Amino acid sequence: MDSVIEDVRVRKILDSRGNPTVEVDIITWNGFGRAAAPSGASTGSREVVSFPEGGVSQVITEVEDLISSELIGMAAEDIEDIDEILKEIDGTDNLSAIGGNTTVAVSMAAAKAAAMSYNLPLYNFLGGNFIKEIPYPLGNMMNGGAHAGPNAPDIQEFLVVPVGANDITEAVFANVEVHKRLKELISKKDPSFTGGKGDEGGWIPNITNDQALEIQAQACEEVGDELGFIIKPGLDMASSEFWSEEEGKYVYGQDGLERDSGDQVDYVKDLIETYHMFYVEDPFDEKDFEGFAELTAKVGNKCRVCGDDLFVTNSELLAKGIGMNAANAIVIKPNQIGTLTDTYATVRLAKENGVMPVVSHRSGETCDETIAHLAIAFGAPMIKTGAIGGERIAKLNELIRIEEEISNPRMAGLY
């Protein structure tokens, strides 16, 4: 078979924060696949474990040969079988023995090697010949919370999505224009602003949450008017990061405020209505399915209420959320669950139940462009991958290239 695996190589590389991560090469008779795993700073407690206790070095010294001996001779196209063997090698429920970052890098590299073996791009190999839709880029504009310093807003990410863009190039450059406009607006609010950026390339302003929300909405409106289409704001609140279990409240340190769960529902609902938010991610603690359900019921389809830490790309947790109508969108991060097979199972469940999948980067990224292909192959209407920075634009530029390859492409349906 053309995709028979002849060699597996694992190496330690840098991620965008300067931390070590794994990159995997899989070589077949006439194909080659390379994939690297990202890492998150704000992580859900129920994600699989990124690396074994010995870190990347243990993967290189102890795990590489074990994986190689099992996979050499297999067909790279047998992705489900490969993923099952990886989980058998690990032998734990949370992939703590060899690490979810290890398994996901191998899984993605195998898929890319199989695609090349048949002279197909990855999105085509995984998604078939009838792909037409390109996802909208969900761009990170300003950072707070775990992605910033002590004087930044409590809300972790201030996002935008160019919902009126006609093609991916128009959409990508619209996000960049909002990013540039925000620098000007932040400088007016905070004359001491030095242009500092967070892990994902968003500006780190020394301003309140309310001020950040106001200038976010202003930048969307101004740039949208100039370009002639609608750009809408969104948020990743990462509320687990400022939820106090002891006090039973969300502690907004920058604003000096505390909100209980009911107050949080009212607060987020007010934000959605005041600023015409299109997307709000993790507005509640990762265990608060009831809070998610209450907000989703109140805002309906006016806004995509999205679970990241709530679901961690896990189909069992998503099934619970579907049963409670806890959210109408889910973040998809392959390294949260460890394999492409399990990632796709969650995407399929989401789409079958009207929950929008949003394929996403992590804060500690590499220049690996695989998620651009996954977003298109999975039919995800949105992809979250920042707006600037080499490791972010690697995905965005790949989307531009892919759109050129597709016959009669169109932007995905968001509503």
Protein backbone atom coordinates (compact mmCIF):
# COMPACT_ATOMS: atom_id res chain seq x y z
CA MET A 1 0.00 0.00 0.00
CA ASP A 2 1.19 3.50 -0.81
CA SER A 3 0.73 4.75 2.75
CA VAL A 4 2.65 2.02 4.62
CA ILE A 5 4.65 3.67 7.42
CA GLU A 6 8.40 3.19 7.09
CA ASP A 7 9.66 5.47 9.86
CA VAL A 8 8.44 7.59 12.80
CA ARG A 9 10.60 10.40 14.16
CA VAL A 10 9.89 12.51 17.24
CA ARG A 11 11.81 15.66 18.15
CA LYS A 12 11.70 18.46 20.70
CA ILE A 13 10.93 21.91 19.25
CA LEU A 14 9.98 25.36 20.56
CA ASP A 15 6.45 26.62 20.86
CA SER A 16 5.55 30.33 20.63
CA ARG A 17 6.16 30.85 24.36
CA GLY A 18 9.63 29.33 24.13
CA ASN A 19 8.54 26.12 25.86
CA PRO A 20 9.37 22.65 24.54
CA THR A 21 6.82 20.62 22.62
CA VAL A 22 6.87 17.64 20.28
CA GLU A 23 7.03 17.51 16.51
CA VAL A 24 6.48 14.20 14.73
CA ASP A 25 7.52 13.09 11.24
CA ILE A 26 5.92 10.04 9.65
CA ILE A 27 7.47 8.71 6.45
CA THR A 28 5.64 6.35 4.11
CA TRP A 29 6.76 4.70 0.88
CA ASN A 30 5.85 7.82 -1.10
CA GLY A 31 4.54 10.27 1.49
CA PHE A 32 5.59 12.41 4.42
CA GLY A 33 3.65 14.01 7.27
CA ARG A 34 4.85 16.45 9.91
CA ALA A 35 2.78 17.77 12.79
CA ALA A 36 3.50 19.59 16.05
CA ALA A 37 1.41 19.87 19.20
CA PRO A 38 0.49 23.20 20.81
CA SER A 39 0.00 23.89 24.53
CA GLY A 40 -2.54 25.94 26.47
CA ALA A 41 -2.09 28.33 29.38
CA SER A 42 -5.76 28.49 30.34
CA THR A 43 -6.64 24.80 30.37
CA GLY A 44 -9.67 22.79 31.38
CA SER A 45 -9.12 20.42 34.30
CA ARG A 46 -10.63 17.54 32.30
CA GLU A 47 -8.30 17.80 29.32
CA VAL A 48 -5.99 14.87 28.72
CA VAL A 49 -2.51 15.28 30.19
CA SER A 50 -0.18 17.08 27.77
CA PHE A 51 3.03 15.19 28.55
CA PRO A 52 4.19 12.45 30.93
CA GLU A 53 5.88 13.50 34.18
CA GLY A 54 9.29 13.61 32.51
CA GLY A 55 8.04 16.06 29.89
CA VAL A 56 9.15 16.19 26.28
CA SER A 57 12.53 14.68 27.14
CA GLN A 58 10.86 11.49 28.38
CA VAL A 59 8.88 11.29 25.15
CA ILE A 60 12.10 11.51 23.14
CA THR A 61 14.08 9.01 25.21
CA GLU A 62 11.42 6.43 26.12
CA VAL A 63 8.33 6.81 23.95
CA GLU A 64 9.65 7.36 20.42
CA ASP A 65 10.99 3.84 19.95
CA LEU A 66 7.85 2.30 21.43
CA ILE A 67 5.57 4.19 19.06
CA SER A 68 7.83 3.49 16.08
CA SER A 69 7.91 -0.24 16.73
CA GLU A 70 4.10 -0.37 16.82
CA LEU A 71 3.36 1.85 13.83
CA ILE A 72 6.01 0.86 11.28
CA GLY A 73 4.37 -1.43 8.74
CA MET A 74 0.87 -0.02 9.33
CA ALA A 75 -0.97 2.03 6.71
CA ALA A 76 -1.02 5.71 7.61
CA GLU A 77 -4.53 5.98 6.17
CA ASP A 78 -5.85 3.63 8.89
CA ILE A 79 -6.19 6.59 11.24
CA GLU A 80 -8.68 4.96 13.61
CA ASP A 81 -6.44 1.91 14.07
CA ILE A 82 -3.39 4.09 14.65
CA ASP A 83 -5.24 6.19 17.22
CA GLU A 84 -6.45 3.07 19.01
CA ILE A 85 -2.90 1.69 19.19
CA LEU A 86 -1.65 5.00 20.60
CA LYS A 87 -4.24 4.77 23.37
CA GLU A 88 -3.31 1.14 24.02
CA ILE A 89 0.38 2.08 24.28
CA ASP A 90 -0.56 4.74 26.83
CA GLY A 91 -2.96 2.56 28.79
CA THR A 92 -4.49 5.34 30.91
CA ASP A 93 -7.82 7.17 30.74
CA ASN A 94 -6.20 10.61 30.43
CA LEU A 95 -3.14 9.76 28.28
CA SER A 96 -0.81 10.55 31.19
CA ALA A 97 1.71 7.82 30.33
CA ILE A 98 2.85 9.20 26.95
CA GLY A 99 0.91 12.47 26.82
CA GLY A 100 -1.95 13.79 24.71
CA ASN A 101 0.39 16.15 22.91
CA THR A 102 2.44 13.16 21.82
CA THR A 103 -0.57 11.18 20.60
CA VAL A 104 -2.16 14.11 18.77
CA ALA A 105 1.09 14.97 16.96
CA VAL A 106 1.45 11.35 15.82
CA SER A 107 -2.21 11.17 14.82
CA MET A 108 -2.05 14.36 12.75
CA ALA A 109 1.30 13.46 11.19
CA ALA A 110 -0.08 10.08 10.12
CA ALA A 111 -3.10 11.74 8.47
CA LYS A 112 -0.84 14.18 6.63
CA ALA A 113 1.46 11.35 5.48
CA ALA A 114 -1.54 9.40 4.21
CA ALA A 115 -2.84 12.44 2.34
CA MET A 116 0.51 13.02 0.66
CA SER A 117 0.76 9.32 -0.20
CA TYR A 118 -2.33 9.78 -2.36
CA ASN A 119 -1.22 13.21 -3.60
CA LEU A 120 -4.11 14.96 -1.83
CA PRO A 121 -4.18 17.97 0.48
CA LEU A 122 -5.16 17.05 4.03
CA TYR A 123 -8.53 18.84 3.94
CA ASN A 124 -9.44 16.88 0.79
CA PHE A 125 -8.22 13.53 2.16
CA LEU A 126 -10.25 13.93 5.37
CA GLY A 127 -13.24 15.86 4.07
CA GLY A 128 -13.88 14.49 0.58
CA ASN A 129 -14.44 16.08 -2.80
CA PHE A 130 -17.51 18.17 -2.07
CA ILE A 131 -15.90 20.71 0.25
CA LYS A 132 -16.93 24.26 -0.57
CA GLU A 133 -17.10 26.19 2.70
CA ILE A 134 -14.35 28.28 4.26
CA PRO A 135 -14.54 29.09 8.00
CA TYR A 136 -14.67 32.64 9.30
CA PRO A 137 -11.57 33.65 11.28
CA LEU A 138 -12.27 34.45 14.92
CA GLY A 139 -9.48 36.90 15.71
CA ASN A 140 -7.94 37.71 19.09
CA MET A 141 -7.60 41.49 19.47
CA MET A 142 -6.90 42.21 23.16
CA ASN A 143 -5.73 39.95 25.97
CA GLY A 144 -6.41 39.85 29.68
CA GLY A 145 -6.65 37.17 32.35
CA ALA A 146 -4.20 34.27 32.11
CA HIS A 147 -2.77 35.60 28.84
CA ALA A 148 -1.71 38.97 30.27
CA GLY A 149 -0.34 40.78 33.32
CA PRO A 150 -1.91 41.92 36.62
CA ASN A 151 -3.19 45.28 35.32
CA ALA A 152 -4.99 43.95 32.24
CA PRO A 153 -8.73 43.26 32.06
CA ASP A 154 -10.08 40.15 33.78
CA ILE A 155 -11.71 38.94 30.56
CA GLN A 156 -9.13 36.77 28.80
CA GLU A 157 -9.76 37.47 25.11
CA PHE A 158 -11.54 40.22 23.21
CA LEU A 159 -12.36 38.73 19.82
CA VAL A 160 -13.85 39.80 16.51
CA VAL A 161 -15.44 37.92 13.62
CA PRO A 162 -16.00 39.61 10.22
CA VAL A 163 -19.46 38.11 9.63
CA GLY A 164 -20.06 40.13 6.46
CA ALA A 165 -16.83 39.26 4.65
CA ASN A 166 -17.23 37.73 1.18
CA ASP A 167 -14.07 35.60 1.18
CA ILE A 168 -11.27 34.53 3.49
CA THR A 169 -8.79 37.16 2.30
CA GLU A 170 -11.29 39.92 2.99
CA ALA A 171 -12.03 38.39 6.40
CA VAL A 172 -8.39 37.94 7.45
CA PHE A 173 -7.39 41.46 6.55
CA ALA A 174 -10.49 42.90 8.21
CA ASN A 175 -9.37 41.33 11.49
CA VAL A 176 -5.91 42.81 11.04
CA GLU A 177 -7.41 46.28 10.47
CA VAL A 178 -9.42 45.99 13.71
CA HIS A 179 -6.24 44.93 15.50
CA LYS A 180 -4.43 48.04 14.20
CA ARG A 181 -7.34 50.33 15.06
CA LEU A 182 -7.43 49.01 18.60
CA LYS A 183 -3.82 49.98 19.17
CA GLU A 184 -4.76 53.57 18.34
CA LEU A 185 -7.80 53.49 20.61
CA ILE A 186 -5.93 51.88 23.51
CA SER A 187 -3.22 54.54 23.26
CA LYS A 188 -5.85 57.26 23.65
CA LYS A 189 -7.29 55.59 26.76
CA ASP A 190 -3.89 54.78 28.24
CA PRO A 191 -1.08 57.18 27.21
CA SER A 192 1.45 54.89 28.94
CA PHE A 193 0.56 51.97 26.63
CA THR A 194 3.77 50.55 25.13
CA GLY A 195 2.27 48.17 22.57
CA GLY A 196 2.64 45.06 24.69
CA LYS A 197 1.04 41.87 23.41
CA GLY A 198 -0.21 38.67 24.98
CA ASP A 199 0.58 35.07 24.12
CA GLU A 200 -1.80 35.10 21.15
CA GLY A 201 -0.82 38.47 19.70
CA GLY A 202 -3.62 40.53 21.25
CA TRP A 203 -2.81 43.87 22.81
CA ILE A 204 -2.46 43.99 26.61
CA PRO A 205 -4.16 47.22 27.72
CA ASN A 206 -3.99 48.69 31.23
CA ILE A 207 -7.68 49.55 31.21
CA THR A 208 -10.88 48.31 32.83
CA ASN A 209 -13.11 45.60 31.40
CA ASP A 210 -15.75 48.20 30.51
CA GLN A 211 -13.25 50.42 28.70
CA ALA A 212 -11.95 47.43 26.75
CA LEU A 213 -15.48 46.43 25.75
CA GLU A 214 -16.27 49.95 24.57
CA ILE A 215 -13.22 50.37 22.37
CA GLN A 216 -13.63 46.83 21.01
CA ALA A 217 -17.14 47.72 19.83
CA GLN A 218 -15.91 51.07 18.48
CA ALA A 219 -13.12 49.44 16.45
CA CYS A 220 -15.53 46.88 14.96
CA GLU A 221 -17.96 49.59 13.94
CA GLU A 222 -15.36 51.97 12.49
CA VAL A 223 -13.48 49.36 10.48
CA GLY A 224 -16.72 47.72 9.37
CA ASP A 225 -18.02 51.04 8.07
CA GLU A 226 -14.78 51.65 6.17
CA LEU A 227 -14.74 48.18 4.59
CA GLY A 228 -18.46 48.03 3.89
CA PHE A 229 -19.42 44.91 5.86
CA ILE A 230 -20.34 43.93 9.40
CA ILE A 231 -17.67 42.97 11.93
CA LYS A 232 -18.97 41.73 15.27
CA PRO A 233 -17.28 41.49 18.68
CA GLY A 234 -16.89 38.37 20.77
CA LEU A 235 -15.30 37.27 24.04
CA ASP A 236 -13.47 34.38 25.59
CA MET A 237 -14.13 35.10 29.25
CA ALA A 238 -12.25 32.02 30.56
CA SER A 239 -14.38 32.38 33.68
CA SER A 240 -12.87 29.35 35.43
CA GLU A 241 -9.74 31.46 35.84
CA PHE A 242 -11.47 34.01 38.11
CA TRP A 243 -14.13 31.79 39.73
CA SER A 244 -13.55 31.46 43.48
CA GLU A 245 -14.79 28.10 44.72
CA GLU A 246 -14.32 29.26 48.30
CA GLU A 247 -16.44 32.37 47.88
CA GLY A 248 -18.81 30.92 45.29
CA LYS A 249 -18.32 34.02 43.17
CA TYR A 250 -16.61 35.35 40.07
CA VAL A 251 -13.96 37.77 41.31
CA TYR A 252 -13.24 40.62 38.88
CA GLY A 253 -9.99 41.92 40.33
CA GLN A 254 -9.50 44.74 37.82
CA ASP A 255 -12.94 46.19 38.49
CA GLY A 256 -13.07 45.31 42.18
CA LEU A 257 -16.36 43.43 41.74
CA GLU A 258 -17.72 40.02 42.70
CA ARG A 259 -20.65 38.28 41.01
CA ASP A 260 -22.45 35.10 42.00
CA SER A 261 -23.73 32.71 39.35
CA GLY A 262 -27.04 34.51 38.91
CA ASP A 263 -25.32 37.88 38.67
CA GLN A 264 -22.95 36.42 36.08
CA VAL A 265 -25.86 35.27 33.90
CA ASP A 266 -27.36 38.78 33.98
CA TYR A 267 -23.97 40.42 33.39
CA VAL A 268 -23.09 38.32 30.34
CA LYS A 269 -26.60 38.67 28.91
CA ASP A 270 -26.27 42.44 29.25
CA LEU A 271 -22.87 42.38 27.50
CA ILE A 272 -24.33 40.37 24.61
CA GLU A 273 -27.25 42.76 24.18
CA THR A 274 -25.32 46.01 24.73
CA TYR A 275 -22.40 45.24 22.43
CA HIS A 276 -24.21 42.93 19.97
CA MET A 277 -21.83 40.10 20.77
CA PHE A 278 -21.77 37.31 18.20
CA TYR A 279 -19.77 34.87 20.32
CA VAL A 280 -19.09 34.38 24.04
CA GLU A 281 -16.82 31.55 25.16
CA ASP A 282 -16.66 30.10 28.68
CA PRO A 283 -18.84 32.72 30.38
CA PHE A 284 -19.06 30.41 33.43
CA ASP A 285 -16.86 28.04 35.40
CA GLU A 286 -16.10 24.72 33.70
CA LYS A 287 -18.44 22.79 36.03
CA ASP A 288 -21.41 25.15 35.72
CA PHE A 289 -23.56 23.45 33.08
CA GLU A 290 -26.63 25.07 34.63
CA GLY A 291 -25.27 28.59 34.17
CA PHE A 292 -24.47 27.84 30.52
CA ALA A 293 -27.98 26.46 30.01
CA GLU A 294 -29.65 29.48 31.60
CA LEU A 295 -27.71 31.96 29.48
CA THR A 296 -28.23 29.97 26.27
CA ALA A 297 -31.98 29.87 26.91
CA LYS A 298 -32.07 33.64 27.46
CA VAL A 299 -30.04 34.72 24.40
CA GLY A 300 -31.10 32.01 21.95
CA ASN A 301 -29.51 32.33 18.51
CA LYS A 302 -28.57 36.00 19.01
CA CYS A 303 -25.16 34.83 20.22
CA ARG A 304 -23.03 31.71 20.08
CA VAL A 305 -22.56 30.62 23.70
CA CYS A 306 -19.49 28.43 23.43
CA GLY A 307 -17.99 25.84 25.74
CA ASP A 308 -14.24 25.24 25.84
CA ASP A 309 -13.23 24.28 29.39
CA LEU A 310 -16.81 23.03 29.76
CA PHE A 311 -16.40 20.35 27.07
CA VAL A 312 -12.62 20.00 26.40
CA THR A 313 -13.41 18.41 22.99
CA ASN A 314 -14.82 15.40 24.85
CA SER A 315 -17.88 13.76 23.29
CA GLU A 316 -19.17 12.48 26.66
CA LEU A 317 -19.13 15.97 28.18
CA LEU A 318 -20.68 17.37 25.01
CA ALA A 319 -23.47 14.78 25.22
CA LYS A 320 -24.22 15.98 28.75
CA GLY A 321 -24.29 19.57 27.49
CA ILE A 322 -26.61 18.67 24.63
CA GLY A 323 -28.99 17.01 27.06
CA MET A 324 -29.13 20.21 29.11
CA ASN A 325 -29.06 22.64 26.15
CA ALA A 326 -26.01 24.07 27.87
CA ALA A 327 -24.40 25.75 24.84
CA ASN A 328 -24.87 26.24 21.12
CA ALA A 329 -21.17 26.12 20.18
CA ILE A 330 -18.10 24.11 21.17
CA VAL A 331 -14.38 24.81 20.87
CA ILE A 332 -12.49 22.01 19.12
CA LYS A 333 -8.85 21.58 20.19
CA PRO A 334 -7.44 18.20 19.11
CA ASN A 335 -4.79 18.09 21.83
CA GLN A 336 -7.49 18.37 24.53
CA ILE A 337 -8.66 14.86 23.64
CA GLY A 338 -5.48 13.43 22.08
CA THR A 339 -6.39 11.94 18.68
CA LEU A 340 -8.03 12.92 15.40
CA THR A 341 -10.50 10.04 15.76
CA ASP A 342 -11.82 11.32 19.10
CA THR A 343 -11.75 14.89 17.84
CA TYR A 344 -13.91 13.99 14.86
CA ALA A 345 -16.35 12.02 17.05
CA THR A 346 -16.97 15.19 19.05
CA VAL A 347 -17.34 17.33 15.92
CA ARG A 348 -19.82 14.88 14.43
CA LEU A 349 -21.92 14.80 17.61
CA ALA A 350 -21.94 18.59 17.73
CA LYS A 351 -23.07 19.01 14.15
CA GLU A 352 -25.76 16.35 14.47
CA ASN A 353 -27.25 18.33 17.36
CA GLY A 354 -27.00 21.88 16.04
CA VAL A 355 -23.96 22.83 18.11
CA MET A 356 -21.44 24.89 16.11
CA PRO A 357 -17.87 23.48 16.16
CA VAL A 358 -15.16 26.15 16.37
CA VAL A 359 -11.72 24.71 15.59
CA SER A 360 -9.13 26.50 17.70
CA HIS A 361 -5.46 27.16 18.26
CA ARG A 362 -3.83 27.21 21.72
CA SER A 363 -1.94 30.06 23.37
CA GLY A 364 1.38 28.22 23.04
CA GLU A 365 1.39 27.54 19.29
CA THR A 366 3.74 26.32 16.58
CA CYS A 367 3.86 27.12 12.87
CA ASP A 368 1.99 23.90 12.16
CA GLU A 369 -0.95 24.73 9.85
CA THR A 370 -2.93 21.50 10.39
CA ILE A 371 -5.95 23.10 12.09
CA ALA A 372 -6.67 25.15 8.95
CA HIS A 373 -7.17 21.87 7.07
CA LEU A 374 -9.15 20.33 9.94
CA ALA A 375 -11.54 23.29 10.12
CA ILE A 376 -12.37 22.92 6.43
CA ALA A 377 -12.48 19.11 6.46
CA PHE A 378 -14.78 19.09 9.51
CA GLY A 379 -17.05 21.80 8.09
CA ALA A 380 -16.47 24.13 11.05
CA PRO A 381 -18.05 27.56 10.40
CA MET A 382 -15.37 29.33 12.46
CA ILE A 383 -11.68 28.92 13.19
CA LYS A 384 -10.06 30.63 16.15
CA THR A 385 -6.45 31.39 15.36
CA GLY A 386 -5.55 34.94 16.32
CA ALA A 387 -4.84 37.75 13.87
CA ILE A 388 -1.10 38.33 13.83
CA GLY A 389 2.15 36.56 14.75
CA GLY A 390 4.03 34.02 12.66
CA GLU A 391 2.51 30.99 14.36
CA ARG A 392 -0.98 32.50 13.91
CA ILE A 393 -0.68 33.71 10.35
CA ALA A 394 0.64 30.26 9.36
CA LYS A 395 -2.96 29.05 9.69
CA LEU A 396 -4.56 32.14 8.16
CA ASN A 397 -2.29 32.14 5.11
CA GLU A 398 -2.99 28.44 4.64
CA LEU A 399 -6.72 29.18 4.55
CA ILE A 400 -6.09 31.75 1.81
CA ARG A 401 -4.15 29.15 -0.20
CA ILE A 402 -6.82 26.49 0.29
CA GLU A 403 -9.59 28.82 -0.86
CA GLU A 404 -7.69 29.24 -4.16
CA GLU A 405 -7.65 25.45 -4.63
CA ILE A 406 -11.36 24.87 -4.02
CA SER A 407 -13.78 25.11 -6.93
CA ASN A 408 -16.47 27.75 -6.31
CA PRO A 409 -15.68 28.29 -2.62
CA ARG A 410 -18.00 30.15 -0.28
CA MET A 411 -17.84 31.37 3.29
CA ALA A 412 -19.51 29.06 5.79
CA GLY A 413 -22.99 29.63 7.15
CA LEU A 414 -22.93 31.25 10.59
CA TYR A 415 -26.64 31.39 11.41
